[in-house]
């Protein structure tokens, strides 16, 4: 049982895909083990991925991410807007390896799933994004580094319906000028600005840093239209 994945629940939102172009709306009354993890080669060959020990799971509206003990990322579910990270919008019925994180030194340490997007923090602290935070804009079909946060080490991140809020850790003593802030971006966010903020939000993948350099920031949370 250790390291295996058993997702129970109701699939009326398309979380369990029966076959291509068809979704069955059955309920899973007891946990059912995910028996196989796969990778697809460039020529379309499907290969099983052995020795998957699950360490973390993240769930979006219609897709799921898994992080294993070897820092590999798998995704499956609805492929719209590129949220699965496979450079195509095909649905995946079983967990499929996201190739970018299957290289030495390029593994993932954290995973997060938004409504129509996905995030991963690399083992060196960089943030990668794929999918769409705003479905009226162009989708990102495979994991790309969030350039506006390059050089920042992400400590915590939360995804809401349209909002994304990562947090960077405090700087070490020898680097007093290193950035530490809470950032958020996504679609139009309603509500008051945070104290000391220099902006409200960004409609693209450009974070708005809040003036929290002198305030300790713990884990962040997102709900439908609010961030904490």
Protein backbone atom coordinates (compact mmCIF):
# COMPACT_ATOMS: atom_id res chain seq x y z
CA UNK A 1 0.00 0.00 0.00
CA UNK A 2 2.89 2.38 0.65
CA UNK A 3 3.32 4.82 -2.20
CA UNK A 4 0.30 3.58 -4.16
CA UNK A 5 -2.59 5.79 -5.24
CA UNK A 6 -6.26 4.99 -4.67
CA UNK A 7 -8.60 7.80 -5.76
CA UNK A 8 -12.18 7.40 -4.51
CA UNK A 9 -14.98 9.84 -5.24
CA UNK A 10 -17.61 10.95 -7.67
CA UNK A 11 -16.72 11.40 -11.32
CA UNK A 12 -19.70 13.35 -12.61
CA UNK A 13 -17.30 16.15 -13.55
CA UNK A 14 -15.29 13.95 -15.92
CA UNK A 15 -12.52 12.87 -13.57
CA UNK A 16 -12.73 9.26 -14.73
CA UNK A 17 -12.45 8.95 -18.49
CA UNK A 18 -13.61 5.63 -19.92
CA UNK A 19 -12.11 5.93 -23.40
CA UNK A 20 -11.26 8.53 -26.01
CA UNK A 21 -14.12 10.95 -26.70
CA UNK A 22 -16.32 9.30 -24.08
CA UNK A 23 -16.77 9.96 -20.38
CA UNK A 24 -18.73 7.66 -18.10
CA UNK A 25 -20.47 9.12 -15.09
CA UNK A 26 -20.15 6.38 -12.52
CA UNK A 27 -19.42 6.76 -8.82
CA UNK A 28 -16.42 5.16 -7.19
CA UNK A 29 -17.73 3.92 -3.86
CA UNK A 30 -14.45 2.50 -2.61
CA UNK A 31 -10.83 3.46 -3.38
CA UNK A 32 -9.50 1.79 -6.52
CA UNK A 33 -5.78 1.49 -7.03
CA UNK A 34 -4.21 3.27 -9.98
CA UNK A 35 -2.50 0.27 -11.48
CA UNK A 36 -0.32 1.73 -14.23
CA UNK A 37 1.77 4.81 -14.99
CA UNK A 38 2.92 5.37 -18.57
CA UNK A 39 5.13 7.43 -20.82
CA UNK A 40 4.68 8.08 -24.54
CA UNK A 41 7.57 8.21 -26.96
CA UNK A 42 7.81 10.65 -29.86
CA UNK A 43 6.61 7.97 -32.25
CA UNK A 44 3.51 7.33 -30.13
CA UNK A 45 4.67 4.15 -28.42
CA UNK A 46 3.23 3.66 -24.94
CA UNK A 47 5.59 2.29 -22.29
CA UNK A 48 4.86 1.45 -18.64
CA UNK A 49 6.85 3.40 -16.04
CA UNK A 50 8.03 1.10 -13.23
CA UNK A 51 8.85 1.81 -9.60
CA UNK A 52 6.43 4.69 -9.07
CA UNK A 53 6.15 5.51 -5.37
CA UNK A 54 3.64 8.32 -4.90
CA UNK A 55 4.73 11.19 -2.67
CA UNK A 56 2.17 13.89 -3.46
CA UNK A 57 -1.12 14.39 -5.34
CA UNK A 58 -2.73 17.61 -6.62
CA UNK A 59 -6.22 17.86 -8.12
CA UNK A 60 -7.68 20.48 -10.46
CA UNK A 61 -11.25 20.72 -11.71
CA UNK A 62 -10.83 17.95 -14.27
CA UNK A 63 -7.25 16.77 -13.98
CA UNK A 64 -4.83 15.24 -11.49
CA UNK A 65 -1.08 15.48 -10.90
CA UNK A 66 1.18 13.03 -9.11
CA UNK A 67 4.72 13.51 -7.81
CA UNK A 68 6.71 10.36 -7.13
CA UNK A 69 9.77 9.55 -5.02
CA UNK A 70 12.08 10.04 -8.01
CA UNK A 71 10.81 13.63 -8.47
CA UNK A 72 8.88 12.71 -11.61
CA UNK A 73 5.53 14.30 -12.44
CA UNK A 74 2.56 12.48 -13.97
CA UNK A 75 -0.74 13.94 -15.15
CA UNK A 76 -4.04 12.65 -16.43
CA UNK A 77 -7.65 13.72 -16.99
CA UNK A 78 -9.08 16.37 -19.31
CA UNK A 79 -6.40 17.83 -21.59
CA UNK A 80 -8.04 21.12 -22.50
CA UNK A 81 -5.88 24.28 -22.44
CA UNK A 82 -2.73 22.16 -22.12
CA UNK A 83 -3.21 21.61 -18.39
CA UNK A 84 -1.64 18.13 -18.60
CA UNK A 85 1.66 19.45 -19.96
CA UNK A 86 2.09 17.04 -22.87
CA UNK A 87 2.20 19.66 -25.67
CA UNK A 88 -1.23 18.56 -26.87
CA UNK A 89 -4.84 18.82 -25.69
CA UNK A 90 -5.65 15.12 -25.70
CA UNK A 91 -7.30 13.57 -22.67
CA UNK A 92 -5.28 11.00 -20.76
CA UNK A 93 -7.04 8.04 -19.14
CA UNK A 94 -4.08 6.94 -16.99
CA UNK A 95 -1.18 8.87 -15.41
CA UNK A 96 1.29 9.94 -18.10
CA UNK A 97 4.84 11.10 -17.46
CA UNK A 98 5.53 14.82 -17.98
CA UNK A 99 8.86 14.55 -19.78
CA UNK A 100 10.43 17.84 -18.66
CA UNK A 101 10.91 16.61 -15.09
CA UNK A 102 12.42 13.25 -16.03
CA UNK A 103 16.04 14.39 -16.26
CA UNK A 104 18.82 14.43 -13.64
CA UNK A 105 18.79 17.66 -11.68
CA UNK A 106 15.49 18.78 -13.25
CA UNK A 107 13.03 16.91 -11.06
CA UNK A 108 10.13 18.50 -9.18
CA UNK A 109 9.82 18.99 -5.44
CA UNK A 110 6.24 20.32 -5.28
CA UNK A 111 3.14 20.15 -7.49
CA UNK A 112 -0.02 22.27 -7.59
CA UNK A 113 -3.16 22.07 -9.72
CA UNK A 114 -5.39 25.02 -10.55
CA UNK A 115 -8.77 25.04 -12.24
CA UNK A 116 -7.34 24.90 -15.78
CA UNK A 117 -3.60 24.96 -15.10
CA UNK A 118 -0.76 23.20 -13.34
CA UNK A 119 2.40 24.23 -11.51
CA UNK A 120 5.55 22.49 -10.33
CA UNK A 121 8.43 23.76 -8.24
CA UNK A 122 11.73 22.32 -9.43
CA UNK A 123 14.21 20.77 -7.04
CA UNK A 124 16.29 23.97 -7.24
CA UNK A 125 13.29 26.16 -6.41
CA UNK A 126 12.20 27.44 -9.83
CA UNK A 127 8.52 27.68 -10.70
CA UNK A 128 7.11 26.02 -13.85
CA UNK A 129 3.65 26.60 -15.29
CA UNK A 130 1.46 25.02 -17.96
CA UNK A 131 -2.19 25.36 -18.94
CA UNK A 132 -4.12 28.62 -18.63
CA UNK A 133 -5.05 30.88 -15.72
CA UNK A 134 -7.22 32.93 -18.05
CA UNK A 135 -8.98 30.87 -20.73
CA UNK A 136 -9.44 33.92 -22.96
CA UNK A 137 -5.67 34.05 -23.44
CA UNK A 138 -3.21 31.73 -25.15
CA UNK A 139 -2.55 28.45 -23.39
CA UNK A 140 0.84 27.11 -22.37
CA UNK A 141 0.93 23.55 -23.69
CA UNK A 142 3.98 22.26 -21.79
CA UNK A 143 5.88 23.26 -18.63
CA UNK A 144 7.67 26.59 -18.94
CA UNK A 145 9.61 28.53 -16.33
CA UNK A 146 7.79 31.58 -14.96
CA UNK A 147 10.31 34.13 -16.13
CA UNK A 148 9.08 36.93 -13.86
CA UNK A 149 10.00 34.81 -10.84
CA UNK A 150 13.36 33.49 -12.06
CA UNK A 151 15.84 33.56 -9.22
CA UNK A 152 13.07 33.37 -6.61
CA UNK A 153 12.76 30.21 -4.52
CA UNK A 154 9.09 29.33 -4.13
CA UNK A 155 8.13 28.14 -0.66
CA UNK A 156 4.36 27.87 -0.97
CA UNK A 157 1.75 28.25 -3.71
CA UNK A 158 -2.03 28.06 -3.92
CA UNK A 159 -4.38 28.09 -6.90
CA UNK A 160 -7.95 29.36 -6.94
CA UNK A 161 -10.41 29.60 -9.81
CA UNK A 162 -8.51 32.45 -11.49
CA UNK A 163 -5.94 33.52 -8.90
CA UNK A 164 -2.47 32.14 -8.16
CA UNK A 165 -0.53 33.08 -5.00
CA UNK A 166 3.05 31.87 -4.49
CA UNK A 167 5.23 32.82 -1.52
CA UNK A 168 9.01 33.11 -1.47
CA UNK A 169 11.06 32.32 1.65
CA UNK A 170 12.86 34.96 3.72
CA UNK A 171 16.35 35.82 2.46
CA UNK A 172 19.39 34.33 4.18
CA UNK A 173 21.44 36.69 6.39
CA UNK A 174 24.18 37.05 3.79
CA UNK A 175 21.64 38.19 1.17
CA UNK A 176 19.56 40.89 2.86
CA UNK A 177 18.36 42.31 -0.43
CA UNK A 178 16.97 39.05 -1.78
CA UNK A 179 13.26 39.28 -2.61
CA UNK A 180 10.71 37.98 -0.15
CA UNK A 181 7.11 38.58 -1.03
CA UNK A 182 3.71 37.22 -1.67
CA UNK A 183 2.76 37.40 -5.33
CA UNK A 184 -0.50 36.83 -7.13
CA UNK A 185 -1.71 36.85 -10.70
CA UNK A 186 -4.42 35.42 -12.93
CA UNK A 187 -7.76 36.72 -14.08
CA UNK A 188 -9.52 39.73 -12.63
CA UNK A 189 -9.52 39.42 -8.85
CA UNK A 190 -12.22 41.19 -6.87
CA UNK A 191 -11.69 42.56 -3.41
CA UNK A 192 -9.44 44.99 -1.52
CA UNK A 193 -5.74 45.16 -2.09
CA UNK A 194 -3.40 43.74 0.49
CA UNK A 195 -1.73 46.23 2.84
CA UNK A 196 1.30 47.80 1.24
CA UNK A 197 0.62 46.43 -2.22
CA UNK A 198 1.90 48.32 -5.21
CA UNK A 199 -0.69 46.99 -7.59
CA UNK A 200 -3.83 44.93 -7.77
CA UNK A 201 -3.27 42.01 -10.09
CA UNK A 202 -2.01 41.10 -13.51
CA UNK A 203 -4.06 39.58 -16.30
CA UNK A 204 -1.03 37.72 -17.60
CA UNK A 205 1.76 35.72 -16.00
CA UNK A 206 3.34 38.75 -14.37
CA UNK A 207 3.27 38.67 -10.61
CA UNK A 208 2.45 41.69 -8.48
CA UNK A 209 4.70 41.77 -5.42
CA UNK A 210 3.17 42.87 -2.15
CA UNK A 211 5.16 44.84 0.42
CA UNK A 212 5.61 42.03 2.92
CA UNK A 213 9.37 42.14 3.27
CA UNK A 214 9.11 42.85 7.00
CA UNK A 215 6.18 40.52 7.65
CA UNK A 216 6.50 36.73 8.06
CA UNK A 217 4.38 34.96 5.48
CA UNK A 218 3.23 31.40 6.05
CA UNK A 219 1.47 29.05 3.64
CA UNK A 220 -1.01 30.68 1.27
CA UNK A 221 -4.54 29.58 0.43
CA UNK A 222 -6.85 30.38 -2.47
CA UNK A 223 -10.59 29.93 -2.79
CA UNK A 224 -12.95 30.94 -5.58
CA UNK A 225 -12.22 34.68 -5.56
CA UNK A 226 -10.00 35.30 -2.53
CA UNK A 227 -6.41 34.70 -1.51
CA UNK A 228 -5.03 34.36 2.01
